[in-house]
């Protein structure tokens, strides 16, 4: 049985970094020559040629511009083909030094009693904190999904309640 900390199984891929073929295909879809694509992408014509032959691996910014010149976009999809949207960046999710909290932690803005680890020591509660335990985070996530997706889980027993554990 796989645990929550195991990496997900690899899904369908289009091969090991087929950038050269993607750029050629994009140029063909748009009906552009190498010079036209280079002009639209604001790169040198030799860059397009070197990328298409595989002599150069472009940076993500250059790849995005090359595909954008053909009217295409880069997207991240999960194993089911759903487009993954980026996480929002809020100022509230930064600490006093301006560092962003790690994305694998569930940020809690204005925590309730018991949601901050230092409550037991009587330390002042910050305006934000997060759940540290992966097991607790996953249990809370499952419970939240069950509560939100009522139609899907109509005949399913609710997950165990987390109670006051944090």
Foldseek 3Di string as FASTA:
>chain_A
DDDPPDDDDDADDPDDPPQLVVLVVLCVLQVHDLCQLCVQLVHDSVVNVCRNVVVDDDDPSSSQSSSVSSVDGDFDADRVRHTDDDDDDDQQQADPVRHGDDPVWDKDAQDDPLQDPCVVVVDDDDRMDTDDDPVVVVQVVQQVVCVVPCVVCVPPDGGDDPPSHD
